Amino acid sequence: MNEIQPLRQWAIGVALCLTLTHSPLGISYANADSAPLQQALAQQLSAVEAQRLPVTEFYQLRDGQPAWQAAVAVESLVAALNSLETDGLTPEDYHADTLIDEFQRSQASSQAAQASFDIKATRALLLALDHLERGKVNPRDVEPQWDAPRPERRYSLLRVVHAVDDRSLDNAIALARPSSAEYQQLRDALKQHYQLANLGSVPYLAAREESLRPGDEADDVSVLRQRLALWGEAELQVADSSAYPLIGVQAGSNRRAFDAPLEAAVRRFQRRHLLQEDGVVGEQTRLALNTSVASRIDQLRVNLERARWIRPMQSAEPRVWVDIAGYRMHYVRPNGQHWDARVVVGTPRRETPIIHSTISHLTINPSWTIPPTIMREDVLPQVRADIDYLARKNIQVISPMGEPLAAEEIDWQRPGGVMLRQVAGTGNPLGRVVVRFPNYDMIYLHDTPARGLFRRDQRALSSGCIRVEGVTELAQMLLQDTGSRYQMSTLLKGGSDRNVSLSQRIPIALHYLTAWPNAEGEVEFRPDIYRRDATLLAALQRSV
């Protein structure tokens, strides 16, 4: 062992002790009896610096004095850590289940043990605040295409210190918790589902050859009422108040009849789960009704974590964000007005990626250079079967330099460096306008001639880019909100491939959220179309 190392550690400890005894903020924690413990704290702090938590700064704000040497303080901390269950976090990650026992053991031991416990408790609090503010999981670990840096700490450490002094640890937790209404609505939904988990078992709907329809009368209708009551339609179910204390309901006249109130409840359920809103209980609706409470809890936990990754925006800051799994696009204008639209996103084979960027320009009457994957998998098989396919679709054959080539002279079994470009027009899949933003995946928002796709409930139908209903209206608002002199009505009458730059870039984010509040504040549960939830849940459940 290096003989100089013990001396170096002693010197670091003394230096830290001297630093910590002079608070830059003038907060007085003078206590002569705590000097030995204070020095023990200083000597141990150098070991935690590599953990990237502001542990030393925390003690500097306390004049180097310990924070967790009274039972009431530790109990307050444990209560605050346990409250994180409603944020979808695991209190045991922060030793909430062992801190009180460890505190009692340290009190019966040496001052070095007491100092070690104090630092451990502080680190537990600061780690919890870090996870609550920025997410427990680094998004890059589960979303390989994630392109945004993790935000720096925003909460005030001084206010945390004051909350510790006041034994108001709930206030410390609140400093780091995301403040958006959507996050709180997800938390409320998670609390409700934890309560549902304690209600006891509810029968499941059996598979049927025929769908359950309004007007039917069957025992399955009674089970349907029970499943809907579990998911919030309490007035439909006759229940024993001791077994179902949250349901508190009135008896219906005929529980086996699929009547009008039951149909309305089915439609509401379908709407909250992005299912075809027809009031008929077919296979997809039955599967959603039969989802376990535990599965919904996991889904809420996963999406609370995703919500922690979303950068908070200033209320007056314009931005566009695409809710991929919800098939919606939202534009918050500089004046605070909200504009929403239905979108079509990538299929499970060609997923729309998560992107953070800024809208830079519009392309009016665009031609379409067919991407390599679509050319290889979709277009070439058509061309090989019938070369006239190119003429019917107004597709030009060009070289990488943009020079026209004769389609008849190309070996379509091995086309080499050939590119295909579809000219602007009514049949062009990009429609009349493209909204562009820099990204590595060449993703953009665009118009489409296939307007009927927006009427579908499930809209994961594109090759990765995002088709926006009413995108011409969006383009006009972007021009207006960035001070442009152009009008879309005039631009659309011009030639093809005209690029119009925005004088001010508008932030845009594409997010994947399988549970999220709608405009009415009700949490919608969406199909996990890209099967990403399981990977994030596994990472979230991993101990730290």
Protein backbone atom coordinates (compact mmCIF):
# COMPACT_ATOMS: atom_id res chain seq x y z
CA MET A 1 0.00 0.00 0.00
CA ASN A 2 1.16 3.55 -0.75
CA GLU A 3 2.38 4.97 2.59
CA ILE A 4 1.54 8.50 1.51
CA GLN A 5 -2.18 7.71 0.94
CA PRO A 6 -3.34 7.91 4.61
CA LEU A 7 -1.62 11.27 5.01
CA ARG A 8 -3.23 12.57 1.81
CA GLN A 9 -6.71 11.48 2.98
CA TRP A 10 -6.13 13.18 6.35
CA ALA A 11 -5.12 16.41 4.61
CA ILE A 12 -8.19 16.33 2.35
CA GLY A 13 -10.39 15.79 5.39
CA VAL A 14 -8.91 18.74 7.26
CA ALA A 15 -9.25 20.99 4.20
CA LEU A 16 -12.89 20.01 3.73
CA CYS A 17 -13.55 20.56 7.42
CA LEU A 18 -12.12 24.08 7.22
CA THR A 19 -14.18 24.77 4.12
CA LEU A 20 -17.38 23.44 5.61
CA THR A 21 -17.10 25.53 8.78
CA HIS A 22 -17.49 28.77 6.83
CA SER A 23 -20.87 28.84 5.16
CA PRO A 24 -20.91 31.23 2.17
CA LEU A 25 -24.55 31.99 2.95
CA GLY A 26 -24.09 32.89 6.60
CA ILE A 27 -26.35 30.12 7.96
CA SER A 28 -25.25 29.39 11.52
CA TYR A 29 -25.02 25.80 12.73
CA ALA A 30 -22.40 26.44 15.44
CA ASN A 31 -22.22 23.57 17.94
CA ALA A 32 -18.98 22.85 19.80
CA ASP A 33 -20.14 19.36 20.81
CA SER A 34 -20.47 18.31 17.17
CA ALA A 35 -16.91 19.21 16.17
CA PRO A 36 -15.57 15.60 16.21
CA LEU A 37 -18.54 14.37 14.19
CA GLN A 38 -18.13 17.32 11.84
CA GLN A 39 -14.50 16.34 11.23
CA ALA A 40 -15.53 12.73 10.65
CA LEU A 41 -18.02 13.95 8.09
CA ALA A 42 -15.37 16.01 6.30
CA GLN A 43 -12.96 13.10 6.17
CA GLN A 44 -15.56 10.83 4.55
CA LEU A 45 -16.99 13.29 2.03
CA SER A 46 -14.10 12.92 -0.42
CA ALA A 47 -15.20 9.33 -1.07
CA VAL A 48 -18.60 10.32 -2.46
CA GLU A 49 -17.53 13.04 -4.88
CA ALA A 50 -17.40 10.64 -7.83
CA GLN A 51 -21.10 9.88 -7.48
CA ARG A 52 -22.09 13.19 -9.14
CA LEU A 53 -24.46 14.30 -6.41
CA PRO A 54 -24.07 17.63 -4.58
CA VAL A 55 -23.32 15.97 -1.25
CA THR A 56 -20.39 18.25 -0.34
CA GLU A 57 -22.37 21.32 -1.39
CA PHE A 58 -25.23 20.16 0.86
CA TYR A 59 -22.94 20.08 3.88
CA GLN A 60 -21.27 23.36 2.93
CA LEU A 61 -24.70 24.99 3.19
CA ARG A 62 -24.99 23.49 6.68
CA ASP A 63 -21.60 24.71 7.93
CA GLY A 64 -20.43 21.09 7.83
CA GLN A 65 -22.96 20.01 10.45
CA PRO A 66 -24.70 16.59 10.26
CA ALA A 67 -28.33 16.48 9.20
CA TRP A 68 -29.60 13.06 10.30
CA GLN A 69 -28.63 12.58 13.93
CA ALA A 70 -32.15 12.78 15.36
CA ALA A 71 -34.78 10.08 15.01
CA VAL A 72 -37.46 12.58 13.99
CA ALA A 73 -35.29 13.76 11.09
CA VAL A 74 -34.72 10.22 9.81
CA GLU A 75 -38.39 9.34 10.17
CA SER A 76 -39.31 12.46 8.17
CA LEU A 77 -36.85 11.44 5.45
CA VAL A 78 -38.20 7.88 5.27
CA ALA A 79 -41.77 9.14 4.97
CA ALA A 80 -40.76 11.43 2.11
CA LEU A 81 -38.91 8.64 0.31
CA ASN A 82 -41.88 6.29 0.68
CA SER A 83 -44.11 8.91 -0.95
CA LEU A 84 -42.14 8.43 -4.20
CA GLU A 85 -44.12 5.25 -4.84
CA THR A 86 -46.85 7.47 -6.31
CA ASP A 87 -44.24 8.82 -8.76
CA GLY A 88 -43.60 5.28 -9.98
CA LEU A 89 -40.21 5.16 -8.25
CA THR A 90 -39.06 2.45 -5.83
CA PRO A 91 -38.47 3.75 -2.26
CA GLU A 92 -36.11 0.82 -1.57
CA ASP A 93 -33.69 2.30 -4.14
CA TYR A 94 -33.14 5.06 -1.57
CA HIS A 95 -32.95 2.69 1.44
CA ALA A 96 -36.33 3.77 2.80
CA ASP A 97 -36.78 0.27 4.20
CA THR A 98 -33.49 0.20 6.12
CA LEU A 99 -32.59 3.78 7.12
CA ILE A 100 -34.27 3.73 10.53
CA ASP A 101 -32.52 0.50 11.58
CA GLU A 102 -29.20 1.78 10.26
CA PHE A 103 -29.68 5.04 12.13
CA GLN A 104 -30.28 3.20 15.41
CA ARG A 105 -27.19 1.03 14.91
CA SER A 106 -25.04 4.05 14.09
CA GLN A 107 -26.16 5.85 17.23
CA ALA A 108 -24.91 2.95 19.30
CA SER A 109 -21.57 2.94 17.49
CA SER A 110 -18.69 5.33 16.75
CA GLN A 111 -18.75 8.85 15.40
CA ALA A 112 -17.26 7.50 12.18
CA ALA A 113 -20.33 5.25 11.85
CA GLN A 114 -22.61 8.19 12.59
CA ALA A 115 -20.87 10.27 9.93
CA SER A 116 -21.11 7.42 7.44
CA PHE A 117 -24.84 7.07 8.09
CA ASP A 118 -25.36 10.83 7.76
CA ILE A 119 -23.72 10.87 4.34
CA LYS A 120 -25.69 7.80 3.26
CA ALA A 121 -28.98 9.44 4.25
CA THR A 122 -28.04 12.66 2.44
CA ARG A 123 -27.05 10.74 -0.65
CA ALA A 124 -30.36 8.85 -0.54
CA LEU A 125 -32.28 12.13 -0.50
CA LEU A 126 -30.21 13.73 -3.26
CA LEU A 127 -30.38 10.62 -5.44
CA ALA A 128 -34.17 10.57 -5.04
CA LEU A 129 -34.35 14.25 -6.03
CA ASP A 130 -32.14 13.59 -9.06
CA HIS A 131 -34.29 10.66 -10.21
CA LEU A 132 -37.48 12.62 -9.62
CA GLU A 133 -36.30 15.63 -11.59
CA ARG A 134 -34.42 13.99 -14.49
CA GLY A 135 -35.55 10.34 -14.45
CA LYS A 136 -34.02 7.27 -12.87
CA VAL A 137 -33.14 5.77 -16.26
CA ASN A 138 -30.85 7.53 -18.72
CA PRO A 139 -33.02 7.63 -21.86
CA ARG A 140 -30.00 6.81 -24.03
CA ASP A 141 -29.81 3.41 -22.31
CA VAL A 142 -33.27 2.38 -23.56
CA GLU A 143 -33.80 4.68 -26.56
CA PRO A 144 -30.66 4.35 -28.72
CA GLN A 145 -31.76 7.22 -30.98
CA TRP A 146 -32.36 9.64 -28.09
CA ASP A 147 -30.74 12.92 -29.20
CA ALA A 148 -31.24 15.34 -26.29
CA PRO A 149 -28.84 15.93 -23.37
CA ARG A 150 -30.08 15.21 -19.87
CA PRO A 151 -30.96 18.49 -18.15
CA GLU A 152 -28.87 19.92 -15.35
CA ARG A 153 -30.23 20.25 -11.81
CA ARG A 154 -32.88 22.97 -11.56
CA TYR A 155 -34.12 22.78 -7.99
CA SER A 156 -32.58 24.99 -5.30
CA LEU A 157 -30.28 23.04 -2.98
CA LEU A 158 -30.50 25.83 -0.42
CA ARG A 159 -34.27 25.37 -0.26
CA VAL A 160 -33.72 21.64 0.22
CA VAL A 161 -31.43 22.40 3.16
CA HIS A 162 -34.10 24.62 4.69
CA ALA A 163 -36.69 21.86 4.21
CA VAL A 164 -34.39 19.42 5.99
CA ASP A 165 -33.97 21.86 8.88
CA ASP A 166 -37.75 22.36 9.08
CA ARG A 167 -38.46 18.61 8.93
CA SER A 168 -40.63 19.36 5.89
CA LEU A 169 -39.15 16.82 3.51
CA ASP A 170 -42.32 16.77 1.42
CA ASN A 171 -41.39 20.32 0.41
CA ALA A 172 -37.93 19.15 -0.62
CA ILE A 173 -39.48 16.42 -2.79
CA ALA A 174 -41.86 18.94 -4.34
CA LEU A 175 -38.90 21.10 -5.44
CA ALA A 176 -37.69 18.37 -7.80
CA ARG A 177 -40.99 16.85 -8.90
CA PRO A 178 -42.09 17.93 -12.43
CA SER A 179 -44.75 20.61 -12.14
CA SER A 180 -46.70 19.98 -15.34
CA ALA A 181 -50.42 19.23 -15.12
CA GLU A 182 -49.89 16.07 -17.18
CA TYR A 183 -47.38 14.69 -14.69
CA GLN A 184 -49.74 15.30 -11.79
CA GLN A 185 -52.60 13.65 -13.68
CA LEU A 186 -50.44 10.58 -14.27
CA ARG A 187 -49.57 10.51 -10.55
CA ASP A 188 -53.24 10.74 -9.62
CA ALA A 189 -54.02 7.85 -11.96
CA LEU A 190 -51.24 5.76 -10.40
CA LYS A 191 -52.62 6.42 -6.91
CA GLN A 192 -56.06 5.29 -8.07
CA HIS A 193 -54.64 2.12 -9.58
CA TYR A 194 -52.78 1.28 -6.38
CA GLN A 195 -56.15 1.56 -4.63
CA LEU A 196 -57.78 -0.65 -7.27
CA ALA A 197 -55.12 -3.29 -6.65
CA ASN A 198 -56.41 -3.61 -3.07
CA LEU A 199 -60.06 -4.16 -4.04
CA GLY A 200 -59.86 -7.90 -4.62
CA SER A 201 -60.43 -9.94 -7.76
CA VAL A 202 -62.88 -9.06 -10.52
CA PRO A 203 -63.94 -11.72 -13.06
CA TYR A 204 -62.59 -11.54 -16.60
CA LEU A 205 -64.64 -11.53 -19.79
CA ALA A 206 -64.46 -14.90 -21.52
CA ALA A 207 -63.55 -15.13 -25.19
CA ARG A 208 -66.61 -15.38 -27.46
CA GLU A 209 -67.17 -16.20 -31.09
CA GLU A 210 -69.64 -13.32 -31.33
CA SER A 211 -69.08 -9.78 -30.08
CA LEU A 212 -71.20 -8.43 -27.24
CA ARG A 213 -73.52 -5.83 -28.70
CA PRO A 214 -76.10 -3.33 -27.44
CA GLY A 215 -79.40 -5.12 -26.95
CA ASP A 216 -77.78 -8.45 -25.95
CA GLU A 217 -78.88 -10.13 -22.73
CA ALA A 218 -76.39 -12.62 -21.26
CA ASP A 219 -74.34 -13.47 -18.19
CA ASP A 220 -71.31 -11.97 -19.97
CA VAL A 221 -73.03 -8.59 -19.79
CA SER A 222 -72.96 -8.80 -15.99
CA VAL A 223 -69.20 -9.48 -16.12
CA LEU A 224 -68.81 -6.57 -18.55
CA ARG A 225 -70.44 -4.29 -15.99
CA GLN A 226 -67.97 -5.47 -13.34
CA ARG A 227 -64.94 -4.89 -15.60
CA LEU A 228 -66.16 -1.41 -16.55
CA ALA A 229 -66.86 -0.60 -12.89
CA LEU A 230 -63.28 -1.56 -12.10
CA TRP A 231 -62.06 0.92 -14.73
CA GLY A 232 -64.11 3.85 -13.46
CA GLU A 233 -67.72 3.29 -14.52
CA ALA A 234 -68.84 2.70 -10.93
CA GLU A 235 -72.55 3.37 -11.45
CA LEU A 236 -72.86 0.23 -13.60
CA GLN A 237 -72.00 -2.31 -10.91
CA VAL A 238 -73.83 -3.81 -7.96
CA ALA A 239 -71.11 -4.36 -5.38
CA ASP A 240 -70.53 -5.35 -1.80
CA SER A 241 -69.22 -2.17 -0.18
CA SER A 242 -66.88 -4.14 2.06
CA ALA A 243 -65.27 -5.82 -0.95
CA TYR A 244 -65.40 -2.77 -3.24
CA PRO A 245 -65.18 0.28 -0.97
CA LEU A 246 -64.32 2.64 -3.83
CA ILE A 247 -67.20 1.63 -6.07
CA GLY A 248 -70.23 2.65 -3.93
CA VAL A 249 -72.96 1.99 -6.49
CA GLN A 250 -76.69 1.67 -7.00
CA ALA A 251 -78.28 -1.54 -8.26
CA GLY A 252 -79.42 -1.59 -11.86
CA SER A 253 -82.75 -3.06 -12.93
CA ASN A 254 -81.22 -5.84 -15.09
CA ARG A 255 -77.53 -6.56 -14.88
CA ARG A 256 -77.70 -9.00 -17.83
CA ALA A 257 -79.06 -6.42 -20.28
CA PHE A 258 -76.71 -4.51 -22.60
CA ASP A 259 -78.67 -1.27 -22.33
CA ALA A 260 -77.99 2.30 -23.49
CA PRO A 261 -76.07 3.42 -20.35
CA LEU A 262 -73.82 0.38 -20.69
CA GLU A 263 -73.21 1.15 -24.38
CA ALA A 264 -72.24 4.73 -23.47
CA ALA A 265 -69.81 3.40 -20.85
CA VAL A 266 -68.24 1.03 -23.41
CA ARG A 267 -67.79 3.93 -25.83
CA ARG A 268 -66.08 6.03 -23.15
CA PHE A 269 -63.77 3.13 -22.34
CA GLN A 270 -62.94 2.65 -26.02
CA ARG A 271 -62.19 6.35 -26.42
CA ARG A 272 -59.77 6.29 -23.47
CA HIS A 273 -57.96 3.30 -24.99
CA LEU A 274 -57.77 4.51 -28.62
CA LEU A 275 -60.09 1.72 -29.76
CA GLN A 276 -62.83 1.91 -32.38
CA GLU A 277 -65.59 3.80 -30.58
CA ASP A 278 -68.56 1.70 -31.66
CA GLY A 279 -70.00 0.47 -28.34
CA VAL A 280 -69.40 -3.15 -29.39
CA VAL A 281 -67.22 -5.43 -27.24
CA GLY A 282 -65.11 -7.27 -29.79
CA GLU A 283 -61.72 -8.90 -29.29
CA GLN A 284 -59.65 -5.71 -28.93
CA THR A 285 -62.07 -4.12 -26.47
CA ARG A 286 -62.30 -7.37 -24.51
CA LEU A 287 -58.50 -7.60 -24.25
CA ALA A 288 -58.30 -4.01 -23.02
CA LEU A 289 -61.05 -4.62 -20.46
CA ASN A 290 -59.26 -7.76 -19.25
CA THR A 291 -55.91 -6.03 -18.74
CA SER A 292 -54.79 -6.53 -15.16
CA VAL A 293 -54.49 -3.67 -12.70
CA ALA A 294 -50.83 -4.62 -12.20
CA SER A 295 -50.18 -4.15 -15.93
CA ARG A 296 -51.77 -0.69 -15.88
CA ILE A 297 -49.65 0.22 -12.84
CA ASP A 298 -46.53 -0.78 -14.78
CA GLN A 299 -47.70 1.24 -17.77
CA LEU A 300 -48.23 4.33 -15.61
CA ARG A 301 -44.83 3.94 -13.95
CA VAL A 302 -43.13 3.70 -17.35
CA ASN A 303 -44.83 6.83 -18.63
CA LEU A 304 -44.16 8.83 -15.47
CA GLU A 305 -40.50 8.09 -16.14
CA ARG A 306 -40.87 9.28 -19.74
CA ALA A 307 -42.61 12.41 -18.45
CA ARG A 308 -39.53 13.12 -16.32
CA TRP A 309 -37.41 13.11 -19.47
CA ILE A 310 -39.46 15.83 -21.16
CA ARG A 311 -37.80 19.22 -20.94
CA PRO A 312 -40.05 21.74 -19.17
CA MET A 313 -41.08 24.60 -21.43
CA GLN A 314 -41.81 28.19 -20.58
CA SER A 315 -45.52 28.91 -20.92
CA ALA A 316 -44.94 31.56 -23.61
CA GLU A 317 -42.48 29.46 -25.61
CA PRO A 318 -43.93 28.23 -28.93
CA ARG A 319 -43.34 24.55 -29.66
CA VAL A 320 -44.58 21.62 -31.67
CA TRP A 321 -44.70 18.15 -30.23
CA VAL A 322 -45.83 14.89 -31.73
CA ASP A 323 -47.43 12.29 -29.47
CA ILE A 324 -46.41 9.22 -31.49
CA ALA A 325 -48.38 6.51 -29.67
CA GLY A 326 -51.36 8.86 -29.29
CA TYR A 327 -51.42 9.71 -33.02
CA ARG A 328 -51.67 13.44 -32.29
CA MET A 329 -49.66 16.57 -32.99
CA HIS A 330 -49.86 19.68 -30.79
CA TYR A 331 -48.71 23.20 -31.63
CA VAL A 332 -48.57 25.76 -28.82
CA ARG A 333 -48.44 29.16 -30.52
CA PRO A 334 -46.61 32.23 -29.16
CA ASN A 335 -49.96 33.70 -28.08
CA GLY A 336 -50.74 30.59 -26.03
CA GLN A 337 -53.31 29.24 -28.47
CA HIS A 338 -53.26 25.45 -28.90
CA TRP A 339 -53.68 23.79 -32.30
CA ASP A 340 -54.07 20.00 -32.45
CA ALA A 341 -54.23 17.56 -35.33
CA ARG A 342 -54.43 13.85 -36.01
CA VAL A 343 -51.30 12.26 -37.44
CA VAL A 344 -50.18 9.04 -39.10
CA VAL A 345 -46.90 7.65 -37.75
CA GLY A 346 -44.49 4.84 -38.63
CA THR A 347 -45.43 1.18 -38.62
CA PRO A 348 -43.84 -1.22 -36.10
CA ARG A 349 -41.43 -2.23 -38.88
CA ARG A 350 -40.51 1.39 -39.64
CA GLU A 351 -40.81 3.18 -36.34
CA THR A 352 -41.00 6.94 -36.01
CA PRO A 353 -37.99 7.82 -33.81
CA ILE A 354 -37.87 10.13 -30.81
CA ILE A 355 -36.45 13.46 -32.00
CA HIS A 356 -35.68 16.86 -30.47
CA SER A 357 -35.01 19.56 -33.04
CA THR A 358 -36.23 22.92 -34.39
CA ILE A 359 -38.38 23.56 -37.45
CA SER A 360 -36.20 25.37 -40.00
CA HIS A 361 -38.12 25.60 -43.27
CA LEU A 362 -41.02 24.49 -45.44
CA THR A 363 -40.92 22.83 -48.83
CA ILE A 364 -43.86 23.78 -51.05
CA ASN A 365 -45.11 21.43 -53.80
CA PRO A 366 -42.36 18.93 -53.04
CA SER A 367 -41.06 16.19 -55.24
CA TRP A 368 -40.15 13.00 -53.38
CA THR A 369 -36.78 11.32 -53.56
CA ILE A 370 -37.69 7.80 -52.54
CA PRO A 371 -35.65 6.68 -49.48
CA PRO A 372 -33.40 3.60 -49.96
CA THR A 373 -35.43 1.32 -47.66
CA ILE A 374 -38.75 2.14 -49.35
CA MET A 375 -37.13 1.84 -52.78
CA ARG A 376 -35.65 -1.55 -51.96
CA GLU A 377 -38.62 -3.07 -50.15
CA ASP A 378 -41.64 -1.41 -51.79
CA VAL A 379 -40.84 0.09 -55.20
CA LEU A 380 -38.29 -2.22 -56.82
CA PRO A 381 -40.55 -5.30 -56.60
CA GLN A 382 -43.24 -3.30 -58.46
CA VAL A 383 -40.77 -2.10 -61.12
CA ARG A 384 -39.39 -5.60 -61.67
CA ALA A 385 -42.91 -6.89 -62.21
CA ASP A 386 -43.93 -4.04 -64.53
CA ILE A 387 -41.58 -1.27 -65.67
CA ASP A 388 -44.58 0.89 -66.65
CA TYR A 389 -45.18 1.29 -62.90
CA LEU A 390 -42.67 4.18 -63.00
CA ALA A 391 -44.60 6.13 -65.63
CA ARG A 392 -47.96 5.54 -63.93
CA LYS A 393 -46.60 6.93 -60.66
CA ASN A 394 -44.71 9.84 -62.29
CA ILE A 395 -41.42 8.50 -60.95
CA GLN A 396 -38.22 9.71 -62.60
CA VAL A 397 -35.00 7.66 -62.73
CA ILE A 398 -31.97 9.79 -61.89
CA SER A 399 -28.28 9.41 -61.08
CA PRO A 400 -26.84 10.41 -57.67
CA MET A 401 -25.94 13.73 -59.33
CA GLY A 402 -29.55 14.30 -60.38
CA GLU A 403 -29.08 13.51 -64.08
CA PRO A 404 -32.04 11.79 -65.81
CA LEU A 405 -31.56 8.16 -66.81
CA ALA A 406 -33.53 5.94 -69.20
CA ALA A 407 -35.52 3.38 -67.22
CA GLU A 408 -35.27 0.82 -70.03
CA GLU A 409 -31.47 0.81 -69.83
CA ILE A 410 -31.30 -0.03 -66.12
CA ASP A 411 -30.74 -3.57 -64.82
CA TRP A 412 -33.51 -3.50 -62.22
CA GLN A 413 -32.24 -6.69 -60.62
CA ARG A 414 -29.02 -4.80 -59.76
CA PRO A 415 -29.83 -1.10 -60.18
CA GLY A 416 -26.62 0.10 -58.47
CA GLY A 417 -26.44 3.88 -57.88
CA VAL A 418 -29.85 4.65 -59.34
CA MET A 419 -32.21 6.99 -57.49
CA LEU A 420 -35.96 7.41 -57.94
CA ARG A 421 -37.81 10.71 -57.63
CA GLN A 422 -41.56 11.19 -57.80
CA VAL A 423 -42.51 14.56 -59.24
CA ALA A 424 -44.79 16.98 -57.43
CA GLY A 425 -48.50 16.52 -57.96
CA THR A 426 -51.72 15.17 -56.58
CA GLY A 427 -50.38 11.61 -56.44
CA ASN A 428 -47.18 12.53 -54.62
CA PRO A 429 -47.20 10.92 -51.12
CA LEU A 430 -45.81 14.14 -49.58
CA GLY A 431 -48.83 16.13 -50.76
CA ARG A 432 -48.45 19.91 -51.11
CA VAL A 433 -46.20 20.85 -48.20
CA VAL A 434 -43.40 19.45 -46.04
CA VAL A 435 -42.36 20.87 -42.65
CA ARG A 436 -38.65 20.20 -42.16
CA PHE A 437 -36.37 20.07 -39.11
CA PRO A 438 -32.76 18.82 -38.93
CA ASN A 439 -32.37 15.21 -37.75
CA TYR A 440 -30.24 12.19 -38.57
CA ASP A 441 -33.21 10.04 -39.59
CA MET A 442 -34.51 12.36 -42.35
CA ILE A 443 -37.92 12.54 -40.65
CA TYR A 444 -40.34 15.37 -41.40
CA LEU A 445 -44.00 16.37 -41.15
CA HIS A 446 -45.92 16.34 -44.39
CA ASP A 447 -49.21 16.45 -46.23
CA THR A 448 -50.74 13.37 -47.86
CA PRO A 449 -53.27 12.65 -50.61
CA ALA A 450 -54.56 9.68 -48.56
CA ARG A 451 -56.78 11.76 -46.25
CA GLY A 452 -58.94 8.78 -45.31
CA LEU A 453 -56.15 7.39 -43.13
CA PHE A 454 -56.83 10.09 -40.53
CA ARG A 455 -60.25 8.59 -39.83
CA ARG A 456 -58.74 5.34 -38.57
CA ASP A 457 -58.38 4.75 -34.83
CA GLN A 458 -54.98 3.02 -35.16
CA ARG A 459 -52.70 5.12 -37.37
CA ALA A 460 -49.25 3.48 -37.30
CA LEU A 461 -49.25 3.23 -41.09
CA SER A 462 -46.36 5.30 -42.52
CA SER A 463 -42.75 4.56 -43.34
CA GLY A 464 -41.47 6.66 -40.41
CA CYS A 465 -42.31 10.23 -41.37
CA ILE A 466 -45.41 11.91 -39.96
CA ARG A 467 -48.47 12.76 -42.02
CA VAL A 468 -50.39 15.66 -40.45
CA GLU A 469 -54.06 16.36 -41.01
CA GLY A 470 -54.41 20.02 -41.95
CA VAL A 471 -50.66 20.52 -42.36
CA THR A 472 -51.25 23.45 -44.75
CA GLU A 473 -52.97 25.31 -41.90
CA LEU A 474 -50.03 24.46 -39.64
CA ALA A 475 -47.60 25.80 -42.25
CA GLN A 476 -49.53 29.08 -42.47
CA MET A 477 -49.45 29.49 -38.68
CA LEU A 478 -45.69 28.81 -38.62
CA LEU A 479 -45.16 31.51 -41.26
CA GLN A 480 -47.37 33.98 -39.41
CA ASP A 481 -45.88 33.25 -35.97
CA THR A 482 -42.31 33.76 -37.21
CA GLY A 483 -43.02 37.07 -38.96
CA SER A 484 -42.87 35.79 -42.53
CA ARG A 485 -44.36 37.87 -45.36
CA TYR A 486 -45.39 34.74 -47.27
CA GLN A 487 -48.91 33.36 -47.54
CA MET A 488 -49.54 29.68 -48.20
CA SER A 489 -52.34 30.48 -50.65
CA THR A 490 -49.79 32.24 -52.88
CA LEU A 491 -46.95 29.76 -52.37
CA LEU A 492 -49.08 26.78 -53.37
CA LYS A 493 -49.70 28.36 -56.79
CA GLY A 494 -45.98 28.44 -57.54
CA GLY A 495 -43.57 25.85 -58.85
CA SER A 496 -42.30 22.68 -57.23
CA ASP A 497 -39.66 22.20 -54.54
CA ARG A 498 -39.69 25.78 -53.26
CA ASN A 499 -37.99 26.05 -49.86
CA VAL A 500 -39.17 28.81 -47.53
CA SER A 501 -37.03 29.39 -44.44
CA LEU A 502 -38.52 30.47 -41.12
CA SER A 503 -36.89 33.59 -39.67
CA GLN A 504 -37.27 32.07 -36.21
CA ARG A 505 -36.90 28.35 -35.54
CA ILE A 506 -39.71 26.64 -33.63
CA PRO A 507 -38.76 23.81 -31.21
CA ILE A 508 -40.20 20.40 -32.09
CA ALA A 509 -40.14 17.14 -30.13
CA LEU A 510 -41.38 13.68 -31.04
CA HIS A 511 -42.23 11.61 -27.95
CA TYR A 512 -43.46 8.07 -27.39
CA LEU A 513 -46.03 7.89 -24.57
CA THR A 514 -48.30 4.88 -24.04
CA ALA A 515 -50.27 6.51 -21.20
CA TRP A 516 -50.98 10.25 -21.26
CA PRO A 517 -53.77 12.64 -20.26
CA ASN A 518 -56.12 13.91 -22.95
CA ALA A 519 -57.46 17.46 -23.15
CA GLU A 520 -60.06 16.64 -20.47
CA GLY A 521 -57.39 15.39 -18.06
CA GLU A 522 -58.38 11.71 -18.37
CA VAL A 523 -55.41 9.39 -18.76
CA GLU A 524 -55.57 7.47 -22.02
CA PHE A 525 -53.96 4.03 -22.26
CA ARG A 526 -52.54 3.47 -25.73
CA PRO A 527 -51.31 0.28 -27.41
CA ASP A 528 -47.55 -0.12 -27.13
CA ILE A 529 -47.21 -0.15 -30.91
CA TYR A 530 -43.39 -0.30 -30.88
CA ARG A 531 -43.12 -2.63 -27.85
CA ARG A 532 -40.83 -0.29 -25.92
CA ASP A 533 -42.53 -0.42 -22.51
CA ALA A 534 -41.02 -3.73 -21.37
CA THR A 535 -37.43 -2.56 -21.89
CA LEU A 536 -37.99 0.64 -19.93
CA LEU A 537 -39.88 -1.16 -17.17
CA ALA A 538 -37.00 -3.61 -16.72
CA ALA A 539 -34.54 -0.71 -16.45
CA LEU A 540 -36.83 1.11 -14.02
CA GLN A 541 -37.08 -1.95 -11.78
CA ARG A 542 -33.32 -2.48 -11.71
CA SER A 543 -31.80 -1.62 -8.34
CA VAL A 544 -29.40 1.32 -8.17
